[in-house]
Amino acid sequence: MAENASSPDPDVLLALRALSNPMRLQLLLWLREPTLHFSAERAIADPVEVGICVTHIREKANLAQSTVSAYMAELERAGLVKSTRVGKWTHYKRDETRIAQLVETL
């Protein structure tokens, strides 16, 4: 397909591809309200400000750590989440600005 003014934005396509997987969409929905979906008792960082540890995401999703990491990497490449390292753990939170831009574009 030749690129022209009506060609889809590659970033939008990347985001839609990431959201096409039901579990990745579910992960993004859980991260919308982290304190509702994840226990703060075991958190080592503020779930709202820093995000949710991939270990806690894995436990809730009941998936292998490698699968959750791959899903979160796909969401991050699409710009839908941001990651932050806290010690040896990676935490994820939604990129609300990018999500709003995507919704606006759609």
PDB file of N, CA and C in Angstrom:
ATOM      1  N   MET A   1       0.838  -1.170   0.000  1.00  0.00           N
ATOM      2  CA  MET A   1       0.000   0.000   0.000  1.00  0.00           C
ATOM      3  C   MET A   1       0.888   1.240   0.000  1.00  0.00           C
ATOM      4  N   ALA A   2       0.646   2.128  -0.900  1.00  0.00           N
ATOM      5  CA  ALA A   2       1.421   3.359  -0.979  1.00  0.00           C
ATOM      6  C   ALA A   2       0.989   4.301   0.137  1.00  0.00           C
ATOM      7  N   GLU A   3       1.972   4.985   0.709  1.00  0.00           N
ATOM      8  CA  GLU A   3       1.650   5.938   1.766  1.00  0.00           C
ATOM      9  C   GLU A   3       1.141   7.218   1.135  1.00  0.00           C
ATOM     10  N   ASN A   4       0.047   7.715   1.692  1.00  0.00           N
ATOM     11  CA  ASN A   4      -0.486   9.007   1.276  1.00  0.00           C
ATOM     12  C   ASN A   4      -1.160   9.646   2.478  1.00  0.00           C
ATOM     13  N   ALA A   5      -1.847  10.746   2.245  1.00  0.00           N
ATOM     14  CA  ALA A   5      -2.453  11.482   3.352  1.00  0.00           C
ATOM     15  C   ALA A   5      -3.504  10.651   4.087  1.00  0.00           C
ATOM     16  N   SER A   6      -4.084   9.661   3.428  1.00  0.00           N
ATOM     17  CA  SER A   6      -5.123   8.882   4.076  1.00  0.00           C
ATOM     18  C   SER A   6      -4.597   7.574   4.678  1.00  0.00           C
ATOM     19  N   SER A   7      -3.294   7.335   4.635  1.00  0.00           N
ATOM     20  CA  SER A   7      -2.720   6.132   5.230  1.00  0.00           C
ATOM     21  C   SER A   7      -2.825   6.197   6.743  1.00  0.00           C
ATOM     22  N   PRO A   8      -3.114   5.067   7.391  1.00  0.00           N
ATOM     23  CA  PRO A   8      -3.188   5.071   8.855  1.00  0.00           C
ATOM     24  C   PRO A   8      -1.840   5.415   9.482  1.00  0.00           C
ATOM     25  N   ASP A   9      -1.906   6.096  10.594  1.00  0.00           N
ATOM     26  CA  ASP A   9      -0.714   6.444  11.362  1.00  0.00           C
ATOM     27  C   ASP A   9      -0.103   5.145  11.910  1.00  0.00           C
ATOM     28  N   PRO A  10       1.192   4.899  11.672  1.00  0.00           N
ATOM     29  CA  PRO A  10       1.828   3.679  12.173  1.00  0.00           C
ATOM     30  C   PRO A  10       1.733   3.524  13.695  1.00  0.00           C
ATOM     31  N   ASP A  11       1.756   4.645  14.421  1.00  0.00           N
ATOM     32  CA  ASP A  11       1.643   4.577  15.882  1.00  0.00           C
ATOM     33  C   ASP A  11       0.250   4.113  16.309  1.00  0.00           C
ATOM     34  N   VAL A  12      -0.762   4.545  15.564  1.00  0.00           N
ATOM     35  CA  VAL A  12      -2.131   4.109  15.853  1.00  0.00           C
ATOM     36  C   VAL A  12      -2.261   2.620  15.568  1.00  0.00           C
ATOM     37  N   LEU A  13      -1.691   2.183  14.462  1.00  0.00           N
ATOM     38  CA  LEU A  13      -1.741   0.759  14.129  1.00  0.00           C
ATOM     39  C   LEU A  13      -1.050  -0.085  15.199  1.00  0.00           C
ATOM     40  N   LEU A  14       0.075   0.403  15.699  1.00  0.00           N
ATOM     41  CA  LEU A  14       0.805  -0.309  16.750  1.00  0.00           C
ATOM     42  C   LEU A  14      -0.050  -0.416  18.020  1.00  0.00           C
ATOM     43  N   ALA A  15      -0.722   0.674  18.379  1.00  0.00           N
ATOM     44  CA  ALA A  15      -1.581   0.668  19.567  1.00  0.00           C
ATOM     45  C   ALA A  15      -2.772  -0.266  19.373  1.00  0.00           C
ATOM     46  N   LEU A  16      -3.380  -0.229  18.214  1.00  0.00           N
ATOM     47  CA  LEU A  16      -4.527  -1.101  17.960  1.00  0.00           C
ATOM     48  C   LEU A  16      -4.113  -2.567  17.956  1.00  0.00           C
ATOM     49  N   ARG A  17      -2.935  -2.840  17.431  1.00  0.00           N
ATOM     50  CA  ARG A  17      -2.430  -4.217  17.453  1.00  0.00           C
ATOM     51  C   ARG A  17      -2.236  -4.680  18.894  1.00  0.00           C
ATOM     52  N   ALA A  18      -1.673  -3.812  19.738  1.00  0.00           N
ATOM     53  CA  ALA A  18      -1.464  -4.171  21.141  1.00  0.00           C
ATOM     54  C   ALA A  18      -2.799  -4.430  21.836  1.00  0.00           C
ATOM     55  N   LEU A  19      -3.806  -3.662  21.490  1.00  0.00           N
ATOM     56  CA  LEU A  19      -5.113  -3.802  22.133  1.00  0.00           C
ATOM     57  C   LEU A  19      -5.950  -4.930  21.553  1.00  0.00           C
ATOM     58  N   SER A  20      -5.505  -5.518  20.454  1.00  0.00           N
ATOM     59  CA  SER A  20      -6.282  -6.583  19.825  1.00  0.00           C
ATOM     60  C   SER A  20      -6.226  -7.894  20.607  1.00  0.00           C
ATOM     61  N   ASN A  21      -5.279  -8.009  21.527  1.00  0.00           N
ATOM     62  CA  ASN A  21      -5.173  -9.202  22.356  1.00  0.00           C
ATOM     63  C   ASN A  21      -6.033  -8.988  23.608  1.00  0.00           C
ATOM     64  N   PRO A  22      -6.987  -9.878  23.877  1.00  0.00           N
ATOM     65  CA  PRO A  22      -7.881  -9.675  25.023  1.00  0.00           C
ATOM     66  C   PRO A  22      -7.155  -9.541  26.367  1.00  0.00           C
ATOM     67  N   MET A  23      -6.086 -10.280  26.574  1.00  0.00           N
ATOM     68  CA  MET A  23      -5.386 -10.181  27.862  1.00  0.00           C
ATOM     69  C   MET A  23      -4.633  -8.853  27.971  1.00  0.00           C
ATOM     70  N   ARG A  24      -4.021  -8.392  26.898  1.00  0.00           N
ATOM     71  CA  ARG A  24      -3.344  -7.084  26.964  1.00  0.00           C
ATOM     72  C   ARG A  24      -4.361  -5.987  27.244  1.00  0.00           C
ATOM     73  N   LEU A  25      -5.526  -6.087  26.639  1.00  0.00           N
ATOM     74  CA  LEU A  25      -6.584  -5.108  26.913  1.00  0.00           C
ATOM     75  C   LEU A  25      -7.006  -5.192  28.379  1.00  0.00           C
ATOM     76  N   GLN A  26      -7.136  -6.413  28.897  1.00  0.00           N
ATOM     77  CA  GLN A  26      -7.503  -6.588  30.306  1.00  0.00           C
ATOM     78  C   GLN A  26      -6.449  -5.976  31.226  1.00  0.00           C
ATOM     79  N   LEU A  27      -5.178  -6.187  30.920  1.00  0.00           N
ATOM     80  CA  LEU A  27      -4.103  -5.612  31.730  1.00  0.00           C
ATOM     81  C   LEU A  27      -4.213  -4.094  31.759  1.00  0.00           C
ATOM     82  N   LEU A  28      -4.467  -3.503  30.612  1.00  0.00           N
ATOM     83  CA  LEU A  28      -4.603  -2.047  30.530  1.00  0.00           C
ATOM     84  C   LEU A  28      -5.811  -1.567  31.344  1.00  0.00           C
ATOM     85  N   LEU A  29      -6.892  -2.332  31.309  1.00  0.00           N
ATOM     86  CA  LEU A  29      -8.077  -1.974  32.098  1.00  0.00           C
ATOM     87  C   LEU A  29      -7.786  -2.063  33.597  1.00  0.00           C
ATOM     88  N   TRP A  30      -7.095  -3.115  34.030  1.00  0.00           N
ATOM     89  CA  TRP A  30      -6.733  -3.221  35.444  1.00  0.00           C
ATOM     90  C   TRP A  30      -5.874  -2.046  35.885  1.00  0.00           C
ATOM     91  N   LEU A  31      -4.956  -1.625  35.025  1.00  0.00           N
ATOM     92  CA  LEU A  31      -4.049  -0.532  35.379  1.00  0.00           C
ATOM     93  C   LEU A  31      -4.745   0.823  35.418  1.00  0.00           C
ATOM     94  N   ARG A  32      -5.960   0.896  34.868  1.00  0.00           N
ATOM     95  CA  ARG A  32      -6.695   2.166  34.931  1.00  0.00           C
ATOM     96  C   ARG A  32      -7.009   2.527  36.379  1.00  0.00           C
ATOM     97  N   GLU A  33      -7.332   1.504  37.185  1.00  0.00           N
ATOM     98  CA  GLU A  33      -7.636   1.708  38.598  1.00  0.00           C
ATOM     99  C   GLU A  33      -6.797   0.736  39.429  1.00  0.00           C
ATOM    100  N   PRO A  34      -5.511   1.028  39.559  1.00  0.00           N
ATOM    101  CA  PRO A  34      -4.601   0.066  40.198  1.00  0.00           C
ATOM    102  C   PRO A  34      -4.958  -0.254  41.646  1.00  0.00           C
ATOM    103  N   THR A  35      -5.451   0.715  42.395  1.00  0.00           N
ATOM    104  CA  THR A  35      -5.765   0.446  43.798  1.00  0.00           C
ATOM    105  C   THR A  35      -7.009  -0.417  43.948  1.00  0.00           C
ATOM    106  N   LEU A  36      -7.846  -0.459  42.944  1.00  0.00           N
ATOM    107  CA  LEU A  36      -9.033  -1.306  42.960  1.00  0.00           C
ATOM    108  C   LEU A  36      -8.687  -2.756  42.617  1.00  0.00           C
ATOM    109  N   HIS A  37      -7.721  -2.942  41.735  1.00  0.00           N
ATOM    110  CA  HIS A  37      -7.423  -4.267  41.203  1.00  0.00           C
ATOM    111  C   HIS A  37      -6.195  -4.951  41.808  1.00  0.00           C
ATOM    112  N   PHE A  38      -5.364  -4.192  42.522  1.00  0.00           N
ATOM    113  CA  PHE A  38      -4.136  -4.757  43.083  1.00  0.00           C
ATOM    114  C   PHE A  38      -4.012  -4.347  44.546  1.00  0.00           C
ATOM    115  N   SER A  39      -3.591  -5.276  45.372  1.00  0.00           N
ATOM    116  CA  SER A  39      -3.420  -5.018  46.799  1.00  0.00           C
ATOM    117  C   SER A  39      -2.228  -4.094  47.030  1.00  0.00           C
ATOM    118  N   ALA A  40      -2.448  -3.084  47.842  1.00  0.00           N
ATOM    119  CA  ALA A  40      -1.367  -2.148  48.159  1.00  0.00           C
ATOM    120  C   ALA A  40      -0.491  -2.673  49.299  1.00  0.00           C
ATOM    121  N   GLU A  41      -0.928  -3.731  49.970  1.00  0.00           N
ATOM    122  CA  GLU A  41      -0.193  -4.247  51.124  1.00  0.00           C
ATOM    123  C   GLU A  41       1.222  -4.689  50.778  1.00  0.00           C
ATOM    124  N   ARG A  42       1.391  -5.334  49.626  1.00  0.00           N
ATOM    125  CA  ARG A  42       2.704  -5.853  49.250  1.00  0.00           C
ATOM    126  C   ARG A  42       3.470  -4.910  48.321  1.00  0.00           C
ATOM    127  N   ALA A  43       2.896  -3.783  47.980  1.00  0.00           N
ATOM    128  CA  ALA A  43       3.533  -2.854  47.050  1.00  0.00           C
ATOM    129  C   ALA A  43       4.777  -2.232  47.675  1.00  0.00           C
ATOM    130  N   ILE A  44       5.822  -2.109  46.868  1.00  0.00           N
ATOM    131  CA  ILE A  44       7.049  -1.454  47.343  1.00  0.00           C
ATOM    132  C   ILE A  44       7.137  -0.022  46.829  1.00  0.00           C
ATOM    133  N   ALA A  45       6.144   0.369  46.003  1.00  0.00           N
ATOM    134  CA  ALA A  45       6.090   1.728  45.472  1.00  0.00           C
ATOM    135  C   ALA A  45       4.622   2.122  45.344  1.00  0.00           C
ATOM    136  N   ASP A  46       4.362   3.395  45.271  1.00  0.00           N
ATOM    137  CA  ASP A  46       2.995   3.893  45.134  1.00  0.00           C
ATOM    138  C   ASP A  46       2.390   3.395  43.821  1.00  0.00           C
ATOM    139  N   PRO A  47       1.312   2.624  43.883  1.00  0.00           N
ATOM    140  CA  PRO A  47       0.739   2.055  42.663  1.00  0.00           C
ATOM    141  C   PRO A  47       0.186   3.099  41.699  1.00  0.00           C
ATOM    142  N   VAL A  48      -0.237   4.240  42.210  1.00  0.00           N
ATOM    143  CA  VAL A  48      -0.776   5.287  41.342  1.00  0.00           C
ATOM    144  C   VAL A  48       0.350   6.089  40.700  1.00  0.00           C
ATOM    145  N   GLU A  49       1.340   6.474  41.495  1.00  0.00           N
ATOM    146  CA  GLU A  49       2.428   7.304  40.991  1.00  0.00           C
ATOM    147  C   GLU A  49       3.467   6.516  40.196  1.00  0.00           C
ATOM    148  N   VAL A  50       3.841   5.339  40.674  1.00  0.00           N
ATOM    149  CA  VAL A  50       4.922   4.566  40.060  1.00  0.00           C
ATOM    150  C   VAL A  50       4.381   3.450  39.178  1.00  0.00           C
ATOM    151  N   GLY A  51       3.317   2.811  39.630  1.00  0.00           N
ATOM    152  CA  GLY A  51       2.721   1.724  38.866  1.00  0.00           C
ATOM    153  C   GLY A  51       2.693   0.439  39.650  1.00  0.00           C
ATOM    154  N   ILE A  52       2.324  -0.623  38.968  1.00  0.00           N
ATOM    155  CA  ILE A  52       2.163  -1.943  39.570  1.00  0.00           C
ATOM    156  C   ILE A  52       3.342  -2.820  39.163  1.00  0.00           C
ATOM    157  N   CYS A  53       3.880  -3.531  40.132  1.00  0.00           N
ATOM    158  CA  CYS A  53       5.001  -4.434  39.889  1.00  0.00           C
ATOM    159  C   CYS A  53       4.560  -5.561  38.957  1.00  0.00           C
ATOM    160  N   VAL A  54       5.419  -5.919  38.029  1.00  0.00           N
ATOM    161  CA  VAL A  54       5.104  -6.980  37.083  1.00  0.00           C
ATOM    162  C   VAL A  54       4.796  -8.295  37.809  1.00  0.00           C
ATOM    163  N   THR A  55       5.372  -8.510  38.975  1.00  0.00           N
ATOM    164  CA  THR A  55       5.091  -9.713  39.756  1.00  0.00           C
ATOM    165  C   THR A  55       3.630  -9.750  40.179  1.00  0.00           C
ATOM    166  N   HIS A  56       3.096  -8.612  40.583  1.00  0.00           N
ATOM    167  CA  HIS A  56       1.695  -8.551  41.000  1.00  0.00           C
ATOM    168  C   HIS A  56       0.761  -8.670  39.793  1.00  0.00           C
ATOM    169  N   ILE A  57       1.163  -8.119  38.676  1.00  0.00           N
ATOM    170  CA  ILE A  57       0.380  -8.273  37.449  1.00  0.00           C
ATOM    171  C   ILE A  57       0.338  -9.752  37.062  1.00  0.00           C
ATOM    172  N   ARG A  58       1.490 -10.408  37.143  1.00  0.00           N
ATOM    173  CA  ARG A  58       1.576 -11.827  36.794  1.00  0.00           C
ATOM    174  C   ARG A  58       0.656 -12.659  37.683  1.00  0.00           C
ATOM    175  N   GLU A  59       0.671 -12.373  38.973  1.00  0.00           N
ATOM    176  CA  GLU A  59      -0.171 -13.121  39.911  1.00  0.00           C
ATOM    177  C   GLU A  59      -1.655 -12.950  39.588  1.00  0.00           C
ATOM    178  N   LYS A  60      -2.066 -11.724  39.322  1.00  0.00           N
ATOM    179  CA  LYS A  60      -3.482 -11.461  39.029  1.00  0.00           C
ATOM    180  C   LYS A  60      -3.886 -12.097  37.702  1.00  0.00           C
ATOM    181  N   ALA A  61      -3.020 -12.029  36.719  1.00  0.00           N
ATOM    182  CA  ALA A  61      -3.331 -12.572  35.394  1.00  0.00           C
ATOM    183  C   ALA A  61      -3.217 -14.097  35.363  1.00  0.00           C
ATOM    184  N   ASN A  62      -2.524 -14.661  36.352  1.00  0.00           N
ATOM    185  CA  ASN A  62      -2.298 -16.105  36.403  1.00  0.00           C
ATOM    186  C   ASN A  62      -1.610 -16.605  35.128  1.00  0.00           C
ATOM    187  N   LEU A  63      -0.583 -15.872  34.726  1.00  0.00           N
ATOM    188  CA  LEU A  63       0.197 -16.210  33.537  1.00  0.00           C
ATOM    189  C   LEU A  63       1.667 -16.319  33.922  1.00  0.00           C
ATOM    190  N   ALA A  64       2.445 -16.910  33.058  1.00  0.00           N
ATOM    191  CA  ALA A  64       3.889 -16.996  33.272  1.00  0.00           C
ATOM    192  C   ALA A  64       4.493 -15.585  33.243  1.00  0.00           C
ATOM    193  N   GLN A  65       5.551 -15.423  34.018  1.00  0.00           N
ATOM    194  CA  GLN A  65       6.229 -14.117  34.072  1.00  0.00           C
ATOM    195  C   GLN A  65       6.683 -13.685  32.684  1.00  0.00           C
ATOM    196  N   SER A  66       7.194 -14.609  31.896  1.00  0.00           N
ATOM    197  CA  SER A  66       7.676 -14.255  30.558  1.00  0.00           C
ATOM    198  C   SER A  66       6.528 -13.788  29.657  1.00  0.00           C
ATOM    199  N   THR A  67       5.358 -14.381  29.815  1.00  0.00           N
ATOM    200  CA  THR A  67       4.193 -13.970  29.016  1.00  0.00           C
ATOM    201  C   THR A  67       3.755 -12.565  29.409  1.00  0.00           C
ATOM    202  N   VAL A  68       3.667 -12.320  30.706  1.00  0.00           N
ATOM    203  CA  VAL A  68       3.271 -10.990  31.182  1.00  0.00           C
ATOM    204  C   VAL A  68       4.297  -9.950  30.737  1.00  0.00           C
ATOM    205  N   SER A  69       5.566 -10.270  30.850  1.00  0.00           N
ATOM    206  CA  SER A  69       6.609  -9.327  30.414  1.00  0.00           C
ATOM    207  C   SER A  69       6.482  -9.022  28.923  1.00  0.00           C
ATOM    208  N   ALA A  70       6.203 -10.039  28.130  1.00  0.00           N
ATOM    209  CA  ALA A  70       6.029  -9.820  26.683  1.00  0.00           C
ATOM    210  C   ALA A  70       4.809  -8.956  26.415  1.00  0.00           C
ATOM    211  N   TYR A  71       3.717  -9.213  27.122  1.00  0.00           N
ATOM    212  CA  TYR A  71       2.502  -8.409  26.945  1.00  0.00           C
ATOM    213  C   TYR A  71       2.754  -6.949  27.333  1.00  0.00           C
ATOM    214  N   MET A  72       3.429  -6.754  28.461  1.00  0.00           N
ATOM    215  CA  MET A  72       3.684  -5.388  28.923  1.00  0.00           C
ATOM    216  C   MET A  72       4.650  -4.673  27.981  1.00  0.00           C
ATOM    217  N   ALA A  73       5.623  -5.404  27.437  1.00  0.00           N
ATOM    218  CA  ALA A  73       6.558  -4.802  26.470  1.00  0.00           C
ATOM    219  C   ALA A  73       5.805  -4.352  25.218  1.00  0.00           C
ATOM    220  N   GLU A  74       4.843  -5.146  24.786  1.00  0.00           N
ATOM    221  CA  GLU A  74       4.036  -4.780  23.620  1.00  0.00           C
ATOM    222  C   GLU A  74       3.218  -3.517  23.908  1.00  0.00           C
ATOM    223  N   LEU A  75       2.627  -3.446  25.081  1.00  0.00           N
ATOM    224  CA  LEU A  75       1.875  -2.240  25.457  1.00  0.00           C
ATOM    225  C   LEU A  75       2.793  -1.028  25.579  1.00  0.00           C
ATOM    226  N   GLU A  76       4.012  -1.249  26.048  1.00  0.00           N
ATOM    227  CA  GLU A  76       4.962  -0.131  26.173  1.00  0.00           C
ATOM    228  C   GLU A  76       5.432   0.338  24.797  1.00  0.00           C
ATOM    229  N   ARG A  77       5.725  -0.592  23.898  1.00  0.00           N
ATOM    230  CA  ARG A  77       6.119  -0.197  22.532  1.00  0.00           C
ATOM    231  C   ARG A  77       5.016   0.610  21.858  1.00  0.00           C
ATOM    232  N   ALA A  78       3.777   0.285  22.187  1.00  0.00           N
ATOM    233  CA  ALA A  78       2.634   1.005  21.618  1.00  0.00           C
ATOM    234  C   ALA A  78       2.401   2.343  22.313  1.00  0.00           C
ATOM    235  N   GLY A  79       3.154   2.605  23.386  1.00  0.00           N
ATOM    236  CA  GLY A  79       3.023   3.877  24.091  1.00  0.00           C
ATOM    237  C   GLY A  79       1.852   3.931  25.052  1.00  0.00           C
ATOM    238  N   LEU A  80       1.258   2.789  25.359  1.00  0.00           N
ATOM    239  CA  LEU A  80       0.078   2.769  26.216  1.00  0.00           C
ATOM    240  C   LEU A  80       0.415   2.654  27.699  1.00  0.00           C
ATOM    241  N   VAL A  81       1.605   2.176  28.015  1.00  0.00           N
ATOM    242  CA  VAL A  81       2.076   2.118  29.399  1.00  0.00           C
ATOM    243  C   VAL A  81       3.515   2.620  29.452  1.00  0.00           C
ATOM    244  N   LYS A  82       3.910   3.001  30.656  1.00  0.00           N
ATOM    245  CA  LYS A  82       5.297   3.395  30.919  1.00  0.00           C
ATOM    246  C   LYS A  82       5.831   2.478  32.012  1.00  0.00           C
ATOM    247  N   SER A  83       7.112   2.180  31.921  1.00  0.00           N
ATOM    248  CA  SER A  83       7.721   1.336  32.946  1.00  0.00           C
ATOM    249  C   SER A  83       8.705   2.148  33.778  1.00  0.00           C
ATOM    250  N   THR A  84       8.831   1.737  35.028  1.00  0.00           N
ATOM    251  CA  THR A  84       9.769   2.338  35.964  1.00  0.00           C
ATOM    252  C   THR A  84      10.414   1.217  36.747  1.00  0.00           C
ATOM    253  N   ARG A  85      11.731   1.273  36.860  1.00  0.00           N
ATOM    254  CA  ARG A  85      12.452   0.278  37.661  1.00  0.00           C
ATOM    255  C   ARG A  85      12.515   0.774  39.106  1.00  0.00           C
ATOM    256  N   VAL A  86      12.191  -0.121  40.029  1.00  0.00           N
ATOM    257  CA  VAL A  86      12.349   0.129  41.462  1.00  0.00           C
ATOM    258  C   VAL A  86      13.156  -1.052  41.979  1.00  0.00           C
ATOM    259  N   GLY A  87      14.435  -0.805  42.218  1.00  0.00           N
ATOM    260  CA  GLY A  87      15.327  -1.907  42.565  1.00  0.00           C
ATOM    261  C   GLY A  87      15.420  -2.851  41.380  1.00  0.00           C
ATOM    262  N   LYS A  88      15.154  -4.112  41.629  1.00  0.00           N
ATOM    263  CA  LYS A  88      15.224  -5.080  40.523  1.00  0.00           C
ATOM    264  C   LYS A  88      13.859  -5.346  39.900  1.00  0.00           C
ATOM    265  N   TRP A  89      12.835  -4.637  40.355  1.00  0.00           N
ATOM    266  CA  TRP A  89      11.472  -4.863  39.874  1.00  0.00           C
ATOM    267  C   TRP A  89      11.033  -3.773  38.899  1.00  0.00           C
ATOM    268  N   THR A  90      10.274  -4.191  37.908  1.00  0.00           N
ATOM    269  CA  THR A  90       9.713  -3.255  36.934  1.00  0.00           C
ATOM    270  C   THR A  90       8.246  -3.019  37.267  1.00  0.00           C
ATOM    271  N   HIS A  91       7.884  -1.755  37.303  1.00  0.00           N
ATOM    272  CA  HIS A  91       6.505  -1.347  37.584  1.00  0.00           C
ATOM    273  C   HIS A  91       5.925  -0.707  36.320  1.00  0.00           C
ATOM    274  N   TYR A  92       4.640  -0.915  36.118  1.00  0.00           N
ATOM    275  CA  TYR A  92       3.967  -0.366  34.941  1.00  0.00           C
ATOM    276  C   TYR A  92       2.767   0.473  35.344  1.00  0.00           C
ATOM    277  N   LYS A  93       2.578   1.563  34.611  1.00  0.00           N
ATOM    278  CA  LYS A  93       1.381   2.382  34.764  1.00  0.00           C
ATOM    279  C   LYS A  93       0.961   2.863  33.380  1.00  0.00           C
ATOM    280  N   ARG A  94      -0.289   3.184  33.262  1.00  0.00           N
ATOM    281  CA  ARG A  94      -0.816   3.643  31.981  1.00  0.00           C
ATOM    282  C   ARG A  94      -0.247   5.013  31.625  1.00  0.00           C
ATOM    283  N   ASP A  95      -0.094   5.261  30.333  1.00  0.00           N
ATOM    284  CA  ASP A  95       0.274   6.586  29.844  1.00  0.00           C
ATOM    285  C   ASP A  95      -1.029   7.253  29.418  1.00  0.00           C
ATOM    286  N   GLU A  96      -1.649   7.939  30.354  1.00  0.00           N
ATOM    287  CA  GLU A  96      -2.973   8.513  30.118  1.00  0.00           C
ATOM    288  C   GLU A  96      -2.974   9.550  29.002  1.00  0.00           C
ATOM    289  N   THR A  97      -1.879  10.289  28.858  1.00  0.00           N
ATOM    290  CA  THR A  97      -1.795  11.276  27.781  1.00  0.00           C
ATOM    291  C   THR A  97      -1.834  10.592  26.424  1.00  0.00           C
ATOM    292  N   ARG A  98      -1.046   9.557  26.269  1.00  0.00           N
ATOM    293  CA  ARG A  98      -1.004   8.819  24.999  1.00  0.00           C
ATOM    294  C   ARG A  98      -2.341   8.137  24.715  1.00  0.00           C
ATOM    295  N   ILE A  99      -2.967   7.576  25.743  1.00  0.00           N
ATOM    296  CA  ILE A  99      -4.259   6.928  25.560  1.00  0.00           C
ATOM    297  C   ILE A  99      -5.303   7.945  25.118  1.00  0.00           C
ATOM    298  N   ALA A 100      -5.293   9.129  25.728  1.00  0.00           N
ATOM    299  CA  ALA A 100      -6.235  10.185  25.326  1.00  0.00           C
ATOM    300  C   ALA A 100      -5.994  10.619  23.878  1.00  0.00           C
ATOM    301  N   GLN A 101      -4.726  10.701  23.480  1.00  0.00           N
ATOM    302  CA  GLN A 101      -4.404  11.057  22.085  1.00  0.00           C
ATOM    303  C   GLN A 101      -4.936   9.989  21.133  1.00  0.00           C
ATOM    304  N   LEU A 102      -4.782   8.730  21.511  1.00  0.00           N
ATOM    305  CA  LEU A 102      -5.281   7.641  20.674  1.00  0.00           C
ATOM    306  C   LEU A 102      -6.792   7.712  20.530  1.00  0.00           C
ATOM    307  N   VAL A 103      -7.480   7.929  21.635  1.00  0.00           N
ATOM    308  CA  VAL A 103      -8.941   8.050  21.596  1.00  0.00           C
ATOM    309  C   VAL A 103      -9.345   9.236  20.726  1.00  0.00           C
ATOM    310  N   GLU A 104      -8.654  10.341  20.860  1.00  0.00           N
ATOM    311  CA  GLU A 104      -8.940  11.538  20.045  1.00  0.00           C
ATOM    312  C   GLU A 104      -8.752  11.223  18.558  1.00  0.00           C
ATOM    313  N   THR A 105      -7.693  10.532  18.223  1.00  0.00           N
ATOM    314  CA  THR A 105      -7.419  10.185  16.832  1.00  0.00           C
ATOM    315  C   THR A 105      -8.504   9.275  16.271  1.00  0.00           C
ATOM    316  N   LEU A 106      -8.947   8.333  17.090  1.00  0.00           N
ATOM    317  CA  LEU A 106      -9.976   7.400  16.626  1.00  0.00           C
ATOM    318  C   LEU A 106     -11.330   8.078  16.531  1.00  0.00           C
TER     319      LEU A 106
END
